[in-house]
């Protein structure tokens, strides 16, 4: 997202969001622009991306290094459910409390349904049950 926010004209970004069924208000766009300057975000993105093609990434090694309890949420209309489940299983190697979920939204679903996004973060941080819209991928496979 950072690359898109910095290098694409606003009109292209708004058009792309509209094609995906999202509305980007002026205030949201400004907030998204402001986040781009976040040093921590850039460091995290660099560590995750490593300028390596997706098919060449060693997800297992990357996931084993993540010790934090992690919540992975896939946008079920765009993200591959099996890949998301596998990433969740790999994250459990670093921390057994990590979990993978999906919501029936497009990939950038936090923009489509910010209320659901926030309620999921709140539930995860407070260690409460996730909202009903969050489908636990591990439990779905059982």
N, C-alpha and C. Protein backbone atom coordinates (compact mmCIF):
# COMPACT_ATOMS: atom_id res chain seq x y z
N UNK A 1 0.82 -1.19 0.00
CA UNK A 1 0.00 0.00 0.00
C UNK A 1 0.86 1.25 0.00
N UNK A 2 2.00 1.25 0.72
CA UNK A 2 2.83 2.44 0.77
C UNK A 2 3.27 2.87 -0.61
N UNK A 3 3.69 1.93 -1.45
CA UNK A 3 4.14 2.29 -2.78
C UNK A 3 3.01 2.94 -3.56
N UNK A 4 1.82 2.39 -3.46
CA UNK A 4 0.67 2.95 -4.17
C UNK A 4 0.40 4.37 -3.71
N UNK A 5 0.46 4.59 -2.41
CA UNK A 5 0.15 5.91 -1.87
C UNK A 5 1.18 6.96 -2.31
N UNK A 6 2.42 6.57 -2.48
CA UNK A 6 3.48 7.52 -2.80
C UNK A 6 3.58 7.78 -4.30
N UNK A 7 3.41 6.75 -5.12
CA UNK A 7 3.74 6.86 -6.53
C UNK A 7 2.56 7.00 -7.49
N UNK A 8 1.39 6.59 -7.11
CA UNK A 8 0.24 6.73 -8.01
C UNK A 8 -0.49 8.03 -7.74
N UNK A 9 -0.97 8.69 -8.78
CA UNK A 9 -1.78 9.90 -8.55
C UNK A 9 -3.04 9.54 -7.76
N UNK A 10 -3.53 10.49 -7.00
CA UNK A 10 -4.72 10.26 -6.17
C UNK A 10 -5.88 9.77 -7.03
N UNK A 11 -6.05 10.35 -8.22
CA UNK A 11 -7.17 9.96 -9.09
C UNK A 11 -7.12 8.48 -9.45
N UNK A 12 -5.93 7.95 -9.69
CA UNK A 12 -5.79 6.53 -10.01
C UNK A 12 -6.12 5.68 -8.79
N UNK A 13 -5.65 6.11 -7.63
CA UNK A 13 -5.93 5.37 -6.39
C UNK A 13 -7.43 5.32 -6.12
N UNK A 14 -8.11 6.47 -6.27
CA UNK A 14 -9.56 6.53 -6.04
C UNK A 14 -10.29 5.65 -7.05
N UNK A 15 -9.86 5.68 -8.31
CA UNK A 15 -10.48 4.85 -9.34
C UNK A 15 -10.32 3.37 -9.01
N UNK A 16 -9.10 2.97 -8.63
CA UNK A 16 -8.84 1.57 -8.28
C UNK A 16 -9.69 1.14 -7.08
N UNK A 17 -9.76 1.98 -6.07
CA UNK A 17 -10.58 1.66 -4.90
C UNK A 17 -12.04 1.49 -5.30
N UNK A 18 -12.53 2.37 -6.16
CA UNK A 18 -13.93 2.28 -6.61
C UNK A 18 -14.18 0.98 -7.37
N UNK A 19 -13.23 0.55 -8.18
CA UNK A 19 -13.37 -0.72 -8.91
C UNK A 19 -13.47 -1.90 -7.96
N UNK A 20 -12.86 -1.76 -6.78
CA UNK A 20 -12.90 -2.82 -5.78
C UNK A 20 -14.07 -2.65 -4.81
N UNK A 21 -14.94 -1.67 -5.09
CA UNK A 21 -16.12 -1.47 -4.25
C UNK A 21 -15.84 -0.70 -2.97
N UNK A 22 -14.76 0.08 -2.95
CA UNK A 22 -14.40 0.83 -1.75
C UNK A 22 -14.55 2.32 -2.01
N UNK A 23 -14.80 3.06 -0.95
CA UNK A 23 -14.86 4.51 -1.03
C UNK A 23 -13.73 5.07 -0.17
N UNK A 24 -12.92 5.91 -0.77
CA UNK A 24 -11.82 6.54 -0.05
C UNK A 24 -12.15 8.02 0.09
N UNK A 25 -12.52 8.42 1.30
CA UNK A 25 -12.83 9.83 1.55
C UNK A 25 -11.54 10.63 1.59
N UNK A 26 -11.68 11.95 1.49
CA UNK A 26 -10.50 12.82 1.55
C UNK A 26 -9.75 12.63 2.87
N UNK A 27 -10.50 12.55 3.97
CA UNK A 27 -9.88 12.37 5.29
C UNK A 27 -9.13 11.03 5.36
N UNK A 28 -9.73 9.96 4.83
CA UNK A 28 -9.07 8.66 4.83
C UNK A 28 -7.81 8.70 3.97
N UNK A 29 -7.91 9.33 2.80
CA UNK A 29 -6.75 9.44 1.91
C UNK A 29 -5.61 10.18 2.60
N UNK A 30 -5.92 11.27 3.28
CA UNK A 30 -4.89 12.03 4.01
C UNK A 30 -4.28 11.18 5.12
N UNK A 31 -5.12 10.43 5.84
CA UNK A 31 -4.59 9.54 6.89
C UNK A 31 -3.66 8.49 6.29
N UNK A 32 -4.06 7.93 5.15
CA UNK A 32 -3.24 6.92 4.51
C UNK A 32 -1.91 7.52 4.04
N UNK A 33 -1.94 8.75 3.56
CA UNK A 33 -0.71 9.44 3.15
C UNK A 33 0.20 9.65 4.36
N UNK A 34 -0.39 10.04 5.49
CA UNK A 34 0.40 10.32 6.69
C UNK A 34 1.09 9.06 7.20
N UNK A 35 0.44 7.93 7.09
CA UNK A 35 1.01 6.67 7.57
C UNK A 35 2.27 6.33 6.79
N UNK A 36 2.35 6.73 5.54
CA UNK A 36 3.50 6.39 4.72
C UNK A 36 4.81 6.90 5.31
N UNK A 37 4.75 7.98 6.05
CA UNK A 37 5.98 8.53 6.61
C UNK A 37 6.39 7.82 7.90
N UNK A 38 5.61 6.86 8.33
CA UNK A 38 5.89 6.15 9.58
C UNK A 38 7.14 5.28 9.42
N UNK A 39 8.16 5.60 10.17
CA UNK A 39 9.44 4.88 10.08
C UNK A 39 9.27 3.41 10.42
N UNK A 40 8.53 3.11 11.47
CA UNK A 40 8.34 1.72 11.88
C UNK A 40 7.66 0.93 10.77
N UNK A 41 6.63 1.50 10.17
CA UNK A 41 5.92 0.83 9.09
C UNK A 41 6.83 0.50 7.92
N UNK A 42 7.70 1.44 7.57
CA UNK A 42 8.63 1.20 6.47
C UNK A 42 9.61 0.08 6.80
N UNK A 43 10.08 0.04 8.02
CA UNK A 43 11.02 -1.01 8.43
C UNK A 43 10.33 -2.37 8.36
N UNK A 44 9.11 -2.45 8.90
CA UNK A 44 8.37 -3.72 8.88
C UNK A 44 8.12 -4.16 7.44
N UNK A 45 7.64 -3.24 6.60
CA UNK A 45 7.39 -3.59 5.20
C UNK A 45 8.66 -4.09 4.52
N UNK A 46 9.78 -3.43 4.77
CA UNK A 46 11.04 -3.84 4.16
C UNK A 46 11.42 -5.25 4.61
N UNK A 47 11.25 -5.53 5.88
CA UNK A 47 11.60 -6.86 6.40
C UNK A 47 10.70 -7.94 5.82
N UNK A 48 9.42 -7.63 5.64
CA UNK A 48 8.49 -8.62 5.11
C UNK A 48 8.70 -8.84 3.61
N UNK A 49 8.91 -7.77 2.89
CA UNK A 49 8.99 -7.87 1.44
C UNK A 49 10.36 -8.38 0.99
N UNK A 50 11.41 -7.84 1.52
CA UNK A 50 12.78 -8.24 1.19
C UNK A 50 13.07 -8.24 -0.30
N UNK A 51 12.24 -7.56 -1.08
CA UNK A 51 12.44 -7.46 -2.52
C UNK A 51 12.63 -8.82 -3.19
N UNK A 52 11.92 -9.79 -2.72
CA UNK A 52 12.00 -11.15 -3.25
C UNK A 52 10.66 -11.48 -3.89
N UNK A 53 10.71 -12.20 -5.00
CA UNK A 53 9.46 -12.62 -5.64
C UNK A 53 8.66 -13.48 -4.66
N UNK A 54 7.35 -13.39 -4.70
CA UNK A 54 6.49 -14.13 -3.78
C UNK A 54 6.81 -15.62 -3.80
N UNK A 55 6.96 -16.19 -4.99
CA UNK A 55 7.19 -17.64 -5.08
C UNK A 55 8.56 -18.05 -4.53
N UNK A 56 9.48 -17.10 -4.36
CA UNK A 56 10.80 -17.42 -3.83
C UNK A 56 10.93 -17.16 -2.33
N UNK A 57 9.91 -16.61 -1.72
CA UNK A 57 10.00 -16.31 -0.30
C UNK A 57 9.96 -17.59 0.52
N UNK A 58 10.74 -17.62 1.56
CA UNK A 58 10.75 -18.76 2.47
C UNK A 58 9.83 -18.41 3.64
N UNK A 59 8.54 -18.63 3.46
CA UNK A 59 7.55 -18.25 4.47
C UNK A 59 7.79 -18.97 5.79
N UNK A 60 8.21 -20.23 5.71
CA UNK A 60 8.42 -20.99 6.95
C UNK A 60 9.48 -20.32 7.81
N UNK A 61 10.64 -19.99 7.25
CA UNK A 61 11.68 -19.34 8.03
C UNK A 61 11.23 -17.98 8.54
N UNK A 62 10.53 -17.23 7.70
CA UNK A 62 10.03 -15.92 8.12
C UNK A 62 9.07 -16.08 9.29
N UNK A 63 8.15 -17.02 9.19
CA UNK A 63 7.14 -17.22 10.23
C UNK A 63 7.74 -17.74 11.52
N UNK A 64 8.73 -18.61 11.42
CA UNK A 64 9.36 -19.15 12.64
C UNK A 64 10.03 -18.05 13.44
N UNK A 65 10.45 -16.98 12.77
CA UNK A 65 11.10 -15.88 13.46
C UNK A 65 10.14 -14.94 14.15
N UNK A 66 8.85 -15.08 13.89
CA UNK A 66 7.85 -14.20 14.50
C UNK A 66 7.45 -14.79 15.85
N UNK A 67 7.84 -14.15 16.91
CA UNK A 67 7.54 -14.65 18.26
C UNK A 67 6.27 -14.05 18.83
N UNK A 68 5.82 -12.95 18.27
CA UNK A 68 4.62 -12.28 18.79
C UNK A 68 3.37 -13.09 18.44
N UNK A 69 2.39 -13.06 19.32
CA UNK A 69 1.07 -13.64 19.05
C UNK A 69 0.49 -12.86 17.88
N UNK A 70 0.24 -13.54 16.77
CA UNK A 70 -0.11 -12.87 15.52
C UNK A 70 -1.48 -13.30 15.02
N UNK A 71 -2.24 -12.33 14.55
CA UNK A 71 -3.55 -12.57 13.95
C UNK A 71 -3.44 -12.27 12.46
N UNK A 72 -3.57 -13.29 11.64
CA UNK A 72 -3.56 -13.13 10.20
C UNK A 72 -5.00 -13.15 9.72
N UNK A 73 -5.41 -12.15 8.95
CA UNK A 73 -6.79 -12.10 8.45
C UNK A 73 -6.75 -11.95 6.94
N UNK A 74 -7.29 -12.93 6.25
CA UNK A 74 -7.36 -12.91 4.80
C UNK A 74 -8.67 -12.30 4.34
N UNK A 75 -8.61 -11.59 3.24
CA UNK A 75 -9.82 -11.11 2.58
C UNK A 75 -10.33 -12.24 1.71
N UNK A 76 -11.34 -12.94 2.15
CA UNK A 76 -11.79 -14.17 1.52
C UNK A 76 -12.19 -14.06 0.06
N UNK A 77 -12.50 -12.86 -0.43
CA UNK A 77 -12.89 -12.72 -1.83
C UNK A 77 -11.69 -12.59 -2.76
N UNK A 78 -10.50 -12.33 -2.21
CA UNK A 78 -9.30 -12.19 -3.04
C UNK A 78 -8.16 -13.10 -2.61
N UNK A 79 -7.95 -13.25 -1.32
CA UNK A 79 -6.81 -14.02 -0.82
C UNK A 79 -7.10 -15.51 -0.86
N UNK A 80 -6.09 -16.30 -1.16
CA UNK A 80 -6.25 -17.75 -1.22
C UNK A 80 -6.38 -18.31 0.19
N UNK A 81 -7.48 -19.00 0.44
CA UNK A 81 -7.76 -19.52 1.78
C UNK A 81 -6.73 -20.55 2.23
N UNK A 82 -6.32 -21.44 1.33
CA UNK A 82 -5.33 -22.46 1.71
C UNK A 82 -3.98 -21.83 2.05
N UNK A 83 -3.56 -20.83 1.26
CA UNK A 83 -2.30 -20.14 1.56
C UNK A 83 -2.39 -19.43 2.90
N UNK A 84 -3.52 -18.81 3.17
CA UNK A 84 -3.70 -18.10 4.44
C UNK A 84 -3.68 -19.08 5.61
N UNK A 85 -4.33 -20.22 5.44
CA UNK A 85 -4.31 -21.25 6.49
C UNK A 85 -2.87 -21.71 6.74
N UNK A 86 -2.13 -21.94 5.64
CA UNK A 86 -0.74 -22.40 5.77
C UNK A 86 0.12 -21.35 6.48
N UNK A 87 -0.04 -20.07 6.13
CA UNK A 87 0.71 -19.01 6.82
C UNK A 87 0.37 -19.02 8.31
N UNK A 88 -0.90 -19.22 8.64
CA UNK A 88 -1.31 -19.28 10.04
C UNK A 88 -0.65 -20.43 10.77
N UNK A 89 -0.58 -21.59 10.13
CA UNK A 89 0.08 -22.74 10.74
C UNK A 89 1.57 -22.46 10.96
N UNK A 90 2.18 -21.81 10.00
CA UNK A 90 3.60 -21.48 10.13
C UNK A 90 3.84 -20.46 11.24
N UNK A 91 2.93 -19.50 11.38
CA UNK A 91 3.06 -18.52 12.46
C UNK A 91 2.99 -19.19 13.83
N UNK A 92 2.25 -20.29 13.92
CA UNK A 92 2.13 -21.01 15.20
C UNK A 92 3.45 -21.63 15.63
N UNK A 93 4.37 -21.82 14.70
CA UNK A 93 5.69 -22.36 15.06
C UNK A 93 6.41 -21.36 15.96
N UNK A 94 6.27 -20.08 15.66
CA UNK A 94 6.90 -19.04 16.47
C UNK A 94 6.12 -18.73 17.73
N UNK A 95 4.79 -18.84 17.68
CA UNK A 95 3.94 -18.57 18.84
C UNK A 95 2.65 -19.37 18.66
N UNK A 96 2.44 -20.33 19.52
CA UNK A 96 1.30 -21.26 19.39
C UNK A 96 -0.05 -20.57 19.52
N UNK A 97 -0.08 -19.34 20.01
CA UNK A 97 -1.35 -18.62 20.15
C UNK A 97 -1.75 -17.87 18.87
N UNK A 98 -0.90 -17.87 17.86
CA UNK A 98 -1.22 -17.20 16.60
C UNK A 98 -2.38 -17.91 15.92
N UNK A 99 -3.18 -17.15 15.17
CA UNK A 99 -4.33 -17.73 14.47
C UNK A 99 -4.52 -17.06 13.12
N UNK A 100 -5.16 -17.78 12.21
CA UNK A 100 -5.50 -17.25 10.89
C UNK A 100 -7.02 -17.25 10.73
N UNK A 101 -7.54 -16.15 10.22
CA UNK A 101 -8.97 -15.98 9.99
C UNK A 101 -9.18 -15.51 8.56
N UNK A 102 -10.43 -15.52 8.15
CA UNK A 102 -10.81 -14.87 6.90
C UNK A 102 -12.11 -14.12 7.14
N UNK A 103 -12.31 -13.08 6.36
CA UNK A 103 -13.58 -12.37 6.33
C UNK A 103 -14.00 -12.31 4.86
N UNK A 104 -15.28 -12.36 4.60
CA UNK A 104 -15.77 -12.36 3.22
C UNK A 104 -15.79 -10.93 2.67
N UNK A 105 -14.62 -10.41 2.42
CA UNK A 105 -14.44 -9.08 1.86
C UNK A 105 -13.27 -9.15 0.87
N UNK A 106 -13.07 -8.08 0.12
CA UNK A 106 -11.91 -7.99 -0.76
C UNK A 106 -10.66 -7.75 0.06
N UNK A 107 -9.49 -7.87 -0.57
CA UNK A 107 -8.21 -7.83 0.15
C UNK A 107 -8.08 -6.61 1.07
N UNK A 108 -8.31 -5.43 0.60
CA UNK A 108 -8.17 -4.23 1.45
C UNK A 108 -9.47 -3.99 2.22
N UNK A 109 -9.91 -5.01 2.91
CA UNK A 109 -11.24 -4.97 3.54
C UNK A 109 -11.31 -4.02 4.72
N UNK A 110 -10.18 -3.63 5.29
CA UNK A 110 -10.20 -2.67 6.40
C UNK A 110 -10.79 -1.34 5.95
N UNK A 111 -10.69 -1.02 4.65
CA UNK A 111 -11.28 0.21 4.13
C UNK A 111 -12.77 0.00 3.87
N UNK A 112 -13.16 -1.19 3.46
CA UNK A 112 -14.57 -1.47 3.16
C UNK A 112 -15.42 -1.52 4.41
N UNK A 113 -14.86 -2.03 5.49
CA UNK A 113 -15.63 -2.21 6.72
C UNK A 113 -14.75 -1.87 7.93
N UNK A 114 -14.45 -0.58 8.12
CA UNK A 114 -13.55 -0.21 9.22
C UNK A 114 -14.07 -0.60 10.60
N UNK A 115 -15.39 -0.61 10.78
CA UNK A 115 -15.95 -1.01 12.07
C UNK A 115 -15.62 -2.45 12.40
N UNK A 116 -15.77 -3.33 11.42
CA UNK A 116 -15.44 -4.75 11.62
C UNK A 116 -13.94 -4.92 11.85
N UNK A 117 -13.15 -4.17 11.11
CA UNK A 117 -11.69 -4.22 11.26
C UNK A 117 -11.30 -3.84 12.69
N UNK A 118 -11.84 -2.74 13.18
CA UNK A 118 -11.52 -2.26 14.53
C UNK A 118 -12.02 -3.24 15.58
N UNK A 119 -13.22 -3.79 15.40
CA UNK A 119 -13.73 -4.73 16.40
C UNK A 119 -12.87 -6.00 16.44
N UNK A 120 -12.32 -6.40 15.30
CA UNK A 120 -11.41 -7.55 15.28
C UNK A 120 -10.11 -7.26 16.02
N UNK A 121 -9.55 -6.08 15.78
CA UNK A 121 -8.32 -5.69 16.49
C UNK A 121 -8.58 -5.63 17.98
N UNK A 122 -9.69 -5.01 18.35
CA UNK A 122 -10.02 -4.88 19.78
C UNK A 122 -10.17 -6.27 20.42
N UNK A 123 -10.90 -7.15 19.76
CA UNK A 123 -11.10 -8.50 20.30
C UNK A 123 -9.78 -9.24 20.43
N UNK A 124 -8.94 -9.14 19.40
CA UNK A 124 -7.65 -9.84 19.43
C UNK A 124 -6.78 -9.30 20.56
N UNK A 125 -6.71 -7.99 20.69
CA UNK A 125 -5.86 -7.38 21.71
C UNK A 125 -6.36 -7.69 23.12
N UNK A 126 -7.69 -7.77 23.28
CA UNK A 126 -8.26 -8.05 24.59
C UNK A 126 -8.41 -9.55 24.85
N UNK A 127 -7.98 -10.35 23.88
CA UNK A 127 -8.07 -11.82 23.98
C UNK A 127 -9.51 -12.30 24.19
N UNK A 128 -10.42 -11.63 23.50
CA UNK A 128 -11.84 -12.00 23.54
C UNK A 128 -12.18 -12.79 22.27
N UNK A 129 -13.38 -13.34 22.24
CA UNK A 129 -13.84 -14.03 21.03
C UNK A 129 -13.88 -13.04 19.87
N UNK A 130 -13.44 -13.50 18.71
CA UNK A 130 -13.45 -12.65 17.52
C UNK A 130 -14.89 -12.47 17.05
N UNK A 131 -15.18 -11.37 16.34
CA UNK A 131 -16.52 -11.17 15.79
C UNK A 131 -16.92 -12.35 14.90
N UNK A 132 -18.22 -12.58 14.79
CA UNK A 132 -18.73 -13.72 14.01
C UNK A 132 -18.25 -13.72 12.56
N UNK A 133 -18.00 -12.54 12.00
CA UNK A 133 -17.57 -12.45 10.60
C UNK A 133 -16.16 -12.99 10.38
N UNK A 134 -15.40 -13.14 11.44
CA UNK A 134 -14.05 -13.69 11.35
C UNK A 134 -14.14 -15.21 11.43
N UNK A 135 -13.88 -15.87 10.33
CA UNK A 135 -13.94 -17.33 10.28
C UNK A 135 -12.54 -17.87 10.57
N UNK A 136 -12.42 -18.66 11.64
CA UNK A 136 -11.13 -19.25 12.01
C UNK A 136 -10.80 -20.34 11.00
N UNK A 137 -9.71 -20.17 10.27
CA UNK A 137 -9.38 -21.12 9.20
C UNK A 137 -9.00 -22.49 9.73
N UNK A 138 -8.40 -22.57 10.91
CA UNK A 138 -8.05 -23.88 11.46
C UNK A 138 -9.31 -24.65 11.82
N UNK A 139 -10.26 -24.00 12.47
CA UNK A 139 -11.50 -24.67 12.87
C UNK A 139 -12.33 -25.04 11.65
N UNK A 140 -12.22 -24.25 10.59
CA UNK A 140 -12.97 -24.54 9.38
C UNK A 140 -12.45 -25.81 8.71
N UNK A 141 -11.18 -26.11 8.85
CA UNK A 141 -10.58 -27.28 8.20
C UNK A 141 -10.85 -28.56 8.97
N UNK A 142 -11.19 -28.45 10.25
CA UNK A 142 -11.40 -29.64 11.09
C UNK A 142 -12.70 -30.32 10.75
